[in-house]
Every structure is written in structure tokens, then in C-alpha cells.
């Protein structure tokens, strides 16, 4: 009689789950302070979304919120990230 042994694979060796929706992948890097803020926000949610889902929700919230950043604030951001490319 042949017995099979379950082999536990490390997380990085497991196959990725298939995406449930189609869309365009947008890769970005976050500074540690912004990533901490995103993680804090997601932990406040009832369903604890994944980081990618939290970013999607925050983008949607930002797009539905009527904001018009002042030129002064935009200039400050540009000076903080002079090498950032869009």
C-alpha cells in the first residue's frame, strides 16, 4: 500500500491564485510612512482588505471626494519627490 505524504511548500514556492477579474496591473512603490498609513486604514475596516484592495478602495474614495489641491501643496509634493516619474 502506497501512502502519500503532504509536503508543505514555502509561501514563495506556492502557485499564485488566479486573478478573479481582469484589469491593468499598476506597479508602484510606497514610502514607509505612506505604507504604514495604508496598513492602519485597512486594519480599521470591518473586513480587513488586502493591501492591493485597500489601495483600490482608497483611490476610489479619493476620486469621489471633491478636492482641488492648492498649487502650494502640489509644489511641496514635487519638491519632496523630484525624481518621481509618472
PDB file of N, CA and C in Angstrom:
ATOM      1  N   UNK A   1       0.834  -1.174   0.000  1.00  0.00           N
ATOM      2  CA  UNK A   1       0.000   0.000   0.000  1.00  0.00           C
ATOM      3  C   UNK A   1       0.881   1.240   0.000  1.00  0.00           C
ATOM      4  N   UNK A   2       0.557   2.139  -0.876  1.00  0.00           N
ATOM      5  CA  UNK A   2       1.352   3.349  -1.037  1.00  0.00           C
ATOM      6  C   UNK A   2       0.714   4.485  -0.232  1.00  0.00           C
ATOM      7  N   UNK A   3       1.512   5.148   0.558  1.00  0.00           N
ATOM      8  CA  UNK A   3       0.994   6.292   1.314  1.00  0.00           C
ATOM      9  C   UNK A   3       1.626   7.558   0.773  1.00  0.00           C
ATOM     10  N   UNK A   4       0.851   8.597   0.766  1.00  0.00           N
ATOM     11  CA  UNK A   4       1.403   9.865   0.292  1.00  0.00           C
ATOM     12  C   UNK A   4       1.617  10.792   1.475  1.00  0.00           C
ATOM     13  N   UNK A   5       2.680  11.522   1.398  1.00  0.00           N
ATOM     14  CA  UNK A   5       2.993  12.472   2.456  1.00  0.00           C
ATOM     15  C   UNK A   5       2.730  13.874   1.931  1.00  0.00           C
ATOM     16  N   UNK A   6       2.055  14.656   2.729  1.00  0.00           N
ATOM     17  CA  UNK A   6       1.815  16.049   2.351  1.00  0.00           C
ATOM     18  C   UNK A   6       3.110  16.828   2.541  1.00  0.00           C
ATOM     19  N   UNK A   7       3.467  17.565   1.546  1.00  0.00           N
ATOM     20  CA  UNK A   7       4.676  18.375   1.610  1.00  0.00           C
ATOM     21  C   UNK A   7       4.252  19.833   1.737  1.00  0.00           C
ATOM     22  N   UNK A   8       4.735  20.475   2.751  1.00  0.00           N
ATOM     23  CA  UNK A   8       4.420  21.887   2.965  1.00  0.00           C
ATOM     24  C   UNK A   8       5.433  22.730   2.196  1.00  0.00           C
ATOM     25  N   UNK A   9       4.936  23.484   1.232  1.00  0.00           N
ATOM     26  CA  UNK A   9       5.803  24.339   0.435  1.00  0.00           C
ATOM     27  C   UNK A   9       5.914  25.714   1.079  1.00  0.00           C
ATOM     28  N   UNK A  10       7.065  26.351   0.948  1.00  0.00           N
ATOM     29  CA  UNK A  10       7.163  27.725   1.447  1.00  0.00           C
ATOM     30  C   UNK A  10       6.231  28.627   0.642  1.00  0.00           C
ATOM     31  N   UNK A  11       5.812  29.739   1.246  1.00  0.00           N
ATOM     32  CA  UNK A  11       4.846  30.637   0.602  1.00  0.00           C
ATOM     33  C   UNK A  11       5.289  31.059  -0.798  1.00  0.00           C
ATOM     34  N   UNK A  12       6.574  31.352  -0.980  1.00  0.00           N
ATOM     35  CA  UNK A  12       7.026  31.833  -2.280  1.00  0.00           C
ATOM     36  C   UNK A  12       7.108  30.729  -3.326  1.00  0.00           C
ATOM     37  N   UNK A  13       6.956  29.470  -2.945  1.00  0.00           N
ATOM     38  CA  UNK A  13       7.002  28.367  -3.901  1.00  0.00           C
ATOM     39  C   UNK A  13       5.606  27.915  -4.316  1.00  0.00           C
ATOM     40  N   UNK A  14       4.587  28.429  -3.650  1.00  0.00           N
ATOM     41  CA  UNK A  14       3.216  28.046  -3.980  1.00  0.00           C
ATOM     42  C   UNK A  14       2.754  28.787  -5.229  1.00  0.00           C
ATOM     43  N   UNK A  15       1.930  28.131  -6.028  1.00  0.00           N
ATOM     44  CA  UNK A  15       1.416  28.836  -7.207  1.00  0.00           C
ATOM     45  C   UNK A  15       0.474  29.957  -6.787  1.00  0.00           C
ATOM     46  N   UNK A  16       0.488  31.030  -7.560  1.00  0.00           N
ATOM     47  CA  UNK A  16      -0.388  32.161  -7.267  1.00  0.00           C
ATOM     48  C   UNK A  16      -1.820  31.815  -7.627  1.00  0.00           C
ATOM     49  N   UNK A  17      -2.771  32.311  -6.851  1.00  0.00           N
ATOM     50  CA  UNK A  17      -4.166  32.098  -7.240  1.00  0.00           C
ATOM     51  C   UNK A  17      -4.485  32.913  -8.492  1.00  0.00           C
ATOM     52  N   UNK A  18      -5.399  32.413  -9.290  1.00  0.00           N
ATOM     53  CA  UNK A  18      -5.792  33.140 -10.495  1.00  0.00           C
ATOM     54  C   UNK A  18      -6.515  34.416 -10.120  1.00  0.00           C
ATOM     55  N   UNK A  19      -6.293  35.440 -10.893  1.00  0.00           N
ATOM     56  CA  UNK A  19      -6.995  36.697 -10.664  1.00  0.00           C
ATOM     57  C   UNK A  19      -8.474  36.492 -10.950  1.00  0.00           C
ATOM     58  N   UNK A  20      -9.314  37.075 -10.118  1.00  0.00           N
ATOM     59  CA  UNK A  20     -10.755  36.909 -10.301  1.00  0.00           C
ATOM     60  C   UNK A  20     -11.315  37.918 -11.287  1.00  0.00           C
ATOM     61  N   UNK A  21     -10.588  38.973 -11.537  1.00  0.00           N
ATOM     62  CA  UNK A  21     -11.033  39.970 -12.504  1.00  0.00           C
ATOM     63  C   UNK A  21      -9.875  40.324 -13.417  1.00  0.00           C
ATOM     64  N   UNK A  22     -10.217  40.950 -14.511  1.00  0.00           N
ATOM     65  CA  UNK A  22      -9.161  41.399 -15.409  1.00  0.00           C
ATOM     66  C   UNK A  22      -8.981  42.890 -15.222  1.00  0.00           C
ATOM     67  N   UNK A  23      -7.823  43.346 -15.489  1.00  0.00           N
ATOM     68  CA  UNK A  23      -7.524  44.763 -15.359  1.00  0.00           C
ATOM     69  C   UNK A  23      -6.070  44.986 -15.706  1.00  0.00           C
ATOM     70  N   UNK A  24      -5.655  46.216 -15.640  1.00  0.00           N
ATOM     71  CA  UNK A  24      -4.282  46.581 -15.929  1.00  0.00           C
ATOM     72  C   UNK A  24      -3.504  46.666 -14.625  1.00  0.00           C
ATOM     73  N   UNK A  25      -2.397  45.968 -14.558  1.00  0.00           N
ATOM     74  CA  UNK A  25      -1.548  45.999 -13.382  1.00  0.00           C
ATOM     75  C   UNK A  25      -0.832  47.343 -13.327  1.00  0.00           C
ATOM     76  N   UNK A  26      -0.895  47.996 -12.187  1.00  0.00           N
ATOM     77  CA  UNK A  26      -0.196  49.257 -11.977  1.00  0.00           C
ATOM     78  C   UNK A  26       0.748  49.051 -10.805  1.00  0.00           C
ATOM     79  N   UNK A  27       2.020  48.938 -11.102  1.00  0.00           N
ATOM     80  CA  UNK A  27       3.011  48.737 -10.048  1.00  0.00           C
ATOM     81  C   UNK A  27       3.477  50.079  -9.513  1.00  0.00           C
ATOM     82  N   UNK A  28       3.619  50.179  -8.217  1.00  0.00           N
ATOM     83  CA  UNK A  28       4.083  51.423  -7.606  1.00  0.00           C
ATOM     84  C   UNK A  28       4.833  51.113  -6.321  1.00  0.00           C
ATOM     85  N   UNK A  29       5.653  52.041  -5.907  1.00  0.00           N
ATOM     86  CA  UNK A  29       6.380  51.902  -4.647  1.00  0.00           C
ATOM     87  C   UNK A  29       5.840  52.943  -3.675  1.00  0.00           C
ATOM     88  N   UNK A  30       5.764  52.560  -2.409  1.00  0.00           N
ATOM     89  CA  UNK A  30       5.285  53.468  -1.379  1.00  0.00           C
ATOM     90  C   UNK A  30       6.385  53.703  -0.359  1.00  0.00           C
ATOM     91  N   UNK A  31       6.515  54.940   0.090  1.00  0.00           N
ATOM     92  CA  UNK A  31       7.419  55.242   1.192  1.00  0.00           C
ATOM     93  C   UNK A  31       6.869  54.566   2.443  1.00  0.00           C
ATOM     94  N   UNK A  32       7.732  54.281   3.394  1.00  0.00           N
ATOM     95  CA  UNK A  32       7.336  53.553   4.602  1.00  0.00           C
ATOM     96  C   UNK A  32       6.199  54.246   5.347  1.00  0.00           C
ATOM     97  N   UNK A  33       6.237  55.573   5.424  1.00  0.00           N
ATOM     98  CA  UNK A  33       5.190  56.287   6.165  1.00  0.00           C
ATOM     99  C   UNK A  33       3.833  56.140   5.487  1.00  0.00           C
ATOM    100  N   UNK A  34       3.800  56.179   4.160  1.00  0.00           N
ATOM    101  CA  UNK A  34       2.532  56.020   3.450  1.00  0.00           C
ATOM    102  C   UNK A  34       2.031  54.584   3.571  1.00  0.00           C
ATOM    103  N   UNK A  35       2.933  53.630   3.494  1.00  0.00           N
ATOM    104  CA  UNK A  35       2.548  52.230   3.641  1.00  0.00           C
ATOM    105  C   UNK A  35       1.988  51.961   5.043  1.00  0.00           C
ATOM    106  N   UNK A  36       2.588  52.561   6.042  1.00  0.00           N
ATOM    107  CA  UNK A  36       2.070  52.425   7.411  1.00  0.00           C
ATOM    108  C   UNK A  36       0.669  53.019   7.521  1.00  0.00           C
ATOM    109  N   UNK A  37       0.445  54.156   6.857  1.00  0.00           N
ATOM    110  CA  UNK A  37      -0.880  54.786   6.881  1.00  0.00           C
ATOM    111  C   UNK A  37      -1.912  53.903   6.182  1.00  0.00           C
ATOM    112  N   UNK A  38      -1.523  53.289   5.062  1.00  0.00           N
ATOM    113  CA  UNK A  38      -2.426  52.378   4.348  1.00  0.00           C
ATOM    114  C   UNK A  38      -2.756  51.182   5.233  1.00  0.00           C
ATOM    115  N   UNK A  39      -1.739  50.609   5.861  1.00  0.00           N
ATOM    116  CA  UNK A  39      -1.965  49.458   6.743  1.00  0.00           C
ATOM    117  C   UNK A  39      -2.858  49.827   7.928  1.00  0.00           C
ATOM    118  N   UNK A  40      -2.664  51.010   8.492  1.00  0.00           N
ATOM    119  CA  UNK A  40      -3.523  51.452   9.599  1.00  0.00           C
ATOM    120  C   UNK A  40      -4.963  51.584   9.134  1.00  0.00           C
ATOM    121  N   UNK A  41      -5.160  52.164   7.951  1.00  0.00           N
ATOM    122  CA  UNK A  41      -6.512  52.338   7.410  1.00  0.00           C
ATOM    123  C   UNK A  41      -7.183  50.990   7.190  1.00  0.00           C
ATOM    124  N   UNK A  42      -6.440  50.053   6.594  1.00  0.00           N
ATOM    125  CA  UNK A  42      -7.056  48.757   6.294  1.00  0.00           C
ATOM    126  C   UNK A  42      -7.412  47.987   7.561  1.00  0.00           C
ATOM    127  N   UNK A  43      -6.636  48.157   8.628  1.00  0.00           N
ATOM    128  CA  UNK A  43      -6.939  47.477   9.893  1.00  0.00           C
ATOM    129  C   UNK A  43      -8.190  48.041  10.562  1.00  0.00           C
ATOM    130  N   UNK A  44      -8.578  49.252  10.185  1.00  0.00           N
ATOM    131  CA  UNK A  44      -9.804  49.860  10.717  1.00  0.00           C
ATOM    132  C   UNK A  44     -11.056  49.360   9.997  1.00  0.00           C
ATOM    133  N   UNK A  45     -10.877  48.689   8.852  1.00  0.00           N
ATOM    134  CA  UNK A  45     -12.020  48.218   8.075  1.00  0.00           C
ATOM    135  C   UNK A  45     -12.572  46.931   8.682  1.00  0.00           C
ATOM    136  N   UNK A  46     -13.872  46.729   8.520  1.00  0.00           N
ATOM    137  CA  UNK A  46     -14.532  45.551   9.098  1.00  0.00           C
ATOM    138  C   UNK A  46     -14.044  44.239   8.496  1.00  0.00           C
ATOM    139  N   UNK A  47     -13.690  44.257   7.200  1.00  0.00           N
ATOM    140  CA  UNK A  47     -13.329  43.011   6.520  1.00  0.00           C
ATOM    141  C   UNK A  47     -11.828  42.830   6.304  1.00  0.00           C
ATOM    142  N   UNK A  48     -10.987  43.699   6.844  1.00  0.00           N
ATOM    143  CA  UNK A  48      -9.528  43.671   6.677  1.00  0.00           C
ATOM    144  C   UNK A  48      -9.129  43.340   5.237  1.00  0.00           C
ATOM    145  N   UNK A  49      -9.244  44.321   4.345  1.00  0.00           N
ATOM    146  CA  UNK A  49      -8.866  44.083   2.953  1.00  0.00           C
ATOM    147  C   UNK A  49      -7.357  43.859   2.813  1.00  0.00           C
ATOM    148  N   UNK A  50      -6.979  43.223   1.723  1.00  0.00           N
ATOM    149  CA  UNK A  50      -5.560  43.072   1.419  1.00  0.00           C
ATOM    150  C   UNK A  50      -5.001  44.451   1.088  1.00  0.00           C
ATOM    151  N   UNK A  51      -3.696  44.578   1.049  1.00  0.00           N
ATOM    152  CA  UNK A  51      -3.104  45.870   0.684  1.00  0.00           C
ATOM    153  C   UNK A  51      -3.568  46.330  -0.696  1.00  0.00           C
ATOM    154  N   UNK A  52      -3.514  45.459  -1.720  1.00  0.00           N
ATOM    155  CA  UNK A  52      -3.976  45.922  -3.034  1.00  0.00           C
ATOM    156  C   UNK A  52      -5.434  46.382  -3.018  1.00  0.00           C
ATOM    157  N   UNK A  53      -6.286  45.649  -2.307  1.00  0.00           N
ATOM    158  CA  UNK A  53      -7.694  46.041  -2.228  1.00  0.00           C
ATOM    159  C   UNK A  53      -7.836  47.355  -1.468  1.00  0.00           C
ATOM    160  N   UNK A  54      -7.047  47.542  -0.420  1.00  0.00           N
ATOM    161  CA  UNK A  54      -7.093  48.797   0.332  1.00  0.00           C
ATOM    162  C   UNK A  54      -6.687  49.970  -0.555  1.00  0.00           C
ATOM    163  N   UNK A  55      -5.638  49.785  -1.356  1.00  0.00           N
ATOM    164  CA  UNK A  55      -5.204  50.851  -2.265  1.00  0.00           C
ATOM    165  C   UNK A  55      -6.306  51.159  -3.273  1.00  0.00           C
ATOM    166  N   UNK A  56      -6.952  50.118  -3.828  1.00  0.00           N
ATOM    167  CA  UNK A  56      -8.058  50.348  -4.770  1.00  0.00           C
ATOM    168  C   UNK A  56      -9.175  51.150  -4.115  1.00  0.00           C
ATOM    169  N   UNK A  57      -9.540  50.773  -2.900  1.00  0.00           N
ATOM    170  CA  UNK A  57     -10.621  51.486  -2.200  1.00  0.00           C
ATOM    171  C   UNK A  57     -10.240  52.927  -1.903  1.00  0.00           C
ATOM    172  N   UNK A  58      -9.006  53.138  -1.480  1.00  0.00           N
ATOM    173  CA  UNK A  58      -8.563  54.494  -1.178  1.00  0.00           C
ATOM    174  C   UNK A  58      -8.519  55.358  -2.434  1.00  0.00           C
ATOM    175  N   UNK A  59      -8.109  54.780  -3.548  1.00  0.00           N
ATOM    176  CA  UNK A  59      -8.118  55.525  -4.812  1.00  0.00           C
ATOM    177  C   UNK A  59      -9.547  55.908  -5.174  1.00  0.00           C
ATOM    178  N   UNK A  60     -10.477  54.956  -5.056  1.00  0.00           N
ATOM    179  CA  UNK A  60     -11.884  55.258  -5.352  1.00  0.00           C
ATOM    180  C   UNK A  60     -12.415  56.351  -4.436  1.00  0.00           C
ATOM    181  N   UNK A  61     -12.083  56.280  -3.150  1.00  0.00           N
ATOM    182  CA  UNK A  61     -12.512  57.323  -2.217  1.00  0.00           C
ATOM    183  C   UNK A  61     -11.944  58.683  -2.623  1.00  0.00           C
ATOM    184  N   UNK A  62     -10.679  58.698  -2.978  1.00  0.00           N
ATOM    185  CA  UNK A  62     -10.046  59.948  -3.394  1.00  0.00           C
ATOM    186  C   UNK A  62     -10.649  60.514  -4.660  1.00  0.00           C
ATOM    187  N   UNK A  63     -11.047  59.640  -5.570  1.00  0.00           N
ATOM    188  CA  UNK A  63     -11.619  60.108  -6.835  1.00  0.00           C
ATOM    189  C   UNK A  63     -13.056  60.595  -6.670  1.00  0.00           C
ATOM    190  N   UNK A  64     -13.769  60.096  -5.682  1.00  0.00           N
ATOM    191  CA  UNK A  64     -15.147  60.535  -5.481  1.00  0.00           C
ATOM    192  C   UNK A  64     -15.224  61.734  -4.548  1.00  0.00           C
ATOM    193  N   UNK A  65     -14.154  62.021  -3.845  1.00  0.00           N
ATOM    194  CA  UNK A  65     -14.118  63.159  -2.929  1.00  0.00           C
ATOM    195  C   UNK A  65     -13.763  64.402  -3.732  1.00  0.00           C
ATOM    196  N   UNK A  66     -14.548  65.460  -3.595  1.00  0.00           N
ATOM    197  CA  UNK A  66     -14.322  66.688  -4.357  1.00  0.00           C
ATOM    198  C   UNK A  66     -13.162  67.463  -3.738  1.00  0.00           C
ATOM    199  N   UNK A  67     -11.997  67.322  -4.340  1.00  0.00           N
ATOM    200  CA  UNK A  67     -10.817  68.027  -3.841  1.00  0.00           C
ATOM    201  C   UNK A  67     -10.162  68.786  -4.975  1.00  0.00           C
ATOM    202  N   UNK A  68      -9.520  69.861  -4.626  1.00  0.00           N
ATOM    203  CA  UNK A  68      -8.740  70.641  -5.576  1.00  0.00           C
ATOM    204  C   UNK A  68      -7.489  71.089  -4.838  1.00  0.00           C
ATOM    205  N   UNK A  69      -6.423  70.278  -4.932  1.00  0.00           N
ATOM    206  CA  UNK A  69      -5.221  70.625  -4.170  1.00  0.00           C
ATOM    207  C   UNK A  69      -4.675  71.978  -4.602  1.00  0.00           C
ATOM    208  N   UNK A  70      -4.235  72.739  -3.637  1.00  0.00           N
ATOM    209  CA  UNK A  70      -3.689  74.057  -3.948  1.00  0.00           C
ATOM    210  C   UNK A  70      -2.348  73.903  -4.654  1.00  0.00           C
ATOM    211  N   UNK A  71      -1.972  74.917  -5.382  1.00  0.00           N
ATOM    212  CA  UNK A  71      -0.684  74.899  -6.088  1.00  0.00           C
ATOM    213  C   UNK A  71       0.456  74.788  -5.086  1.00  0.00           C
ATOM    214  N   UNK A  72       0.277  75.406  -3.912  1.00  0.00           N
ATOM    215  CA  UNK A  72       1.315  75.349  -2.890  1.00  0.00           C
ATOM    216  C   UNK A  72       1.552  73.913  -2.432  1.00  0.00           C
ATOM    217  N   UNK A  73       0.485  73.166  -2.180  1.00  0.00           N
ATOM    218  CA  UNK A  73       0.623  71.774  -1.751  1.00  0.00           C
ATOM    219  C   UNK A  73       1.231  70.934  -2.857  1.00  0.00           C
ATOM    220  N   UNK A  74       0.827  71.167  -4.102  1.00  0.00           N
ATOM    221  CA  UNK A  74       1.388  70.420  -5.227  1.00  0.00           C
ATOM    222  C   UNK A  74       2.876  70.698  -5.369  1.00  0.00           C
ATOM    223  N   UNK A  75       3.274  71.944  -5.175  1.00  0.00           N
ATOM    224  CA  UNK A  75       4.683  72.308  -5.260  1.00  0.00           C
ATOM    225  C   UNK A  75       5.504  71.647  -4.176  1.00  0.00           C
ATOM    226  N   UNK A  76       4.930  71.572  -2.971  1.00  0.00           N
ATOM    227  CA  UNK A  76       5.624  70.895  -1.871  1.00  0.00           C
ATOM    228  C   UNK A  76       5.862  69.443  -2.215  1.00  0.00           C
ATOM    229  N   UNK A  77       4.850  68.774  -2.759  1.00  0.00           N
ATOM    230  CA  UNK A  77       4.986  67.361  -3.111  1.00  0.00           C
ATOM    231  C   UNK A  77       6.041  67.193  -4.192  1.00  0.00           C
ATOM    232  N   UNK A  78       6.052  68.065  -5.182  1.00  0.00           N
ATOM    233  CA  UNK A  78       7.033  67.967  -6.262  1.00  0.00           C
ATOM    234  C   UNK A  78       8.447  68.116  -5.713  1.00  0.00           C
ATOM    235  N   UNK A  79       8.638  68.995  -4.742  1.00  0.00           N
ATOM    236  CA  UNK A  79       9.964  69.185  -4.161  1.00  0.00           C
ATOM    237  C   UNK A  79      10.382  67.988  -3.323  1.00  0.00           C
ATOM    238  N   UNK A  80       9.402  67.299  -2.710  1.00  0.00           N
ATOM    239  CA  UNK A  80       9.722  66.139  -1.887  1.00  0.00           C
ATOM    240  C   UNK A  80      10.136  64.946  -2.739  1.00  0.00           C
ATOM    241  N   UNK A  81       9.605  64.828  -3.949  1.00  0.00           N
ATOM    242  CA  UNK A  81       9.868  63.685  -4.820  1.00  0.00           C
ATOM    243  C   UNK A  81      10.362  64.159  -6.186  1.00  0.00           C
ATOM    244  N   UNK A  82      11.526  64.803  -6.267  1.00  0.00           N
ATOM    245  CA  UNK A  82      11.971  65.349  -7.548  1.00  0.00           C
ATOM    246  C   UNK A  82      12.276  64.292  -8.602  1.00  0.00           C
ATOM    247  N   UNK A  83      12.602  63.061  -8.192  1.00  0.00           N
ATOM    248  CA  UNK A  83      12.955  62.022  -9.159  1.00  0.00           C
ATOM    249  C   UNK A  83      11.777  61.162  -9.561  1.00  0.00           C
ATOM    250  N   UNK A  84      10.610  61.397  -8.974  1.00  0.00           N
ATOM    251  CA  UNK A  84       9.440  60.561  -9.254  1.00  0.00           C
ATOM    252  C   UNK A  84       8.980  60.774 -10.687  1.00  0.00           C
ATOM    253  N   UNK A  85       8.756  59.668 -11.387  1.00  0.00           N
ATOM    254  CA  UNK A  85       8.282  59.712 -12.765  1.00  0.00           C
ATOM    255  C   UNK A  85       6.852  59.221 -12.796  1.00  0.00           C
ATOM    256  N   UNK A  86       6.042  59.795 -13.665  1.00  0.00           N
ATOM    257  CA  UNK A  86       4.648  59.354 -13.782  1.00  0.00           C
ATOM    258  C   UNK A  86       4.464  58.449 -14.958  1.00  0.00           C
TER     259      UNK A  86
END
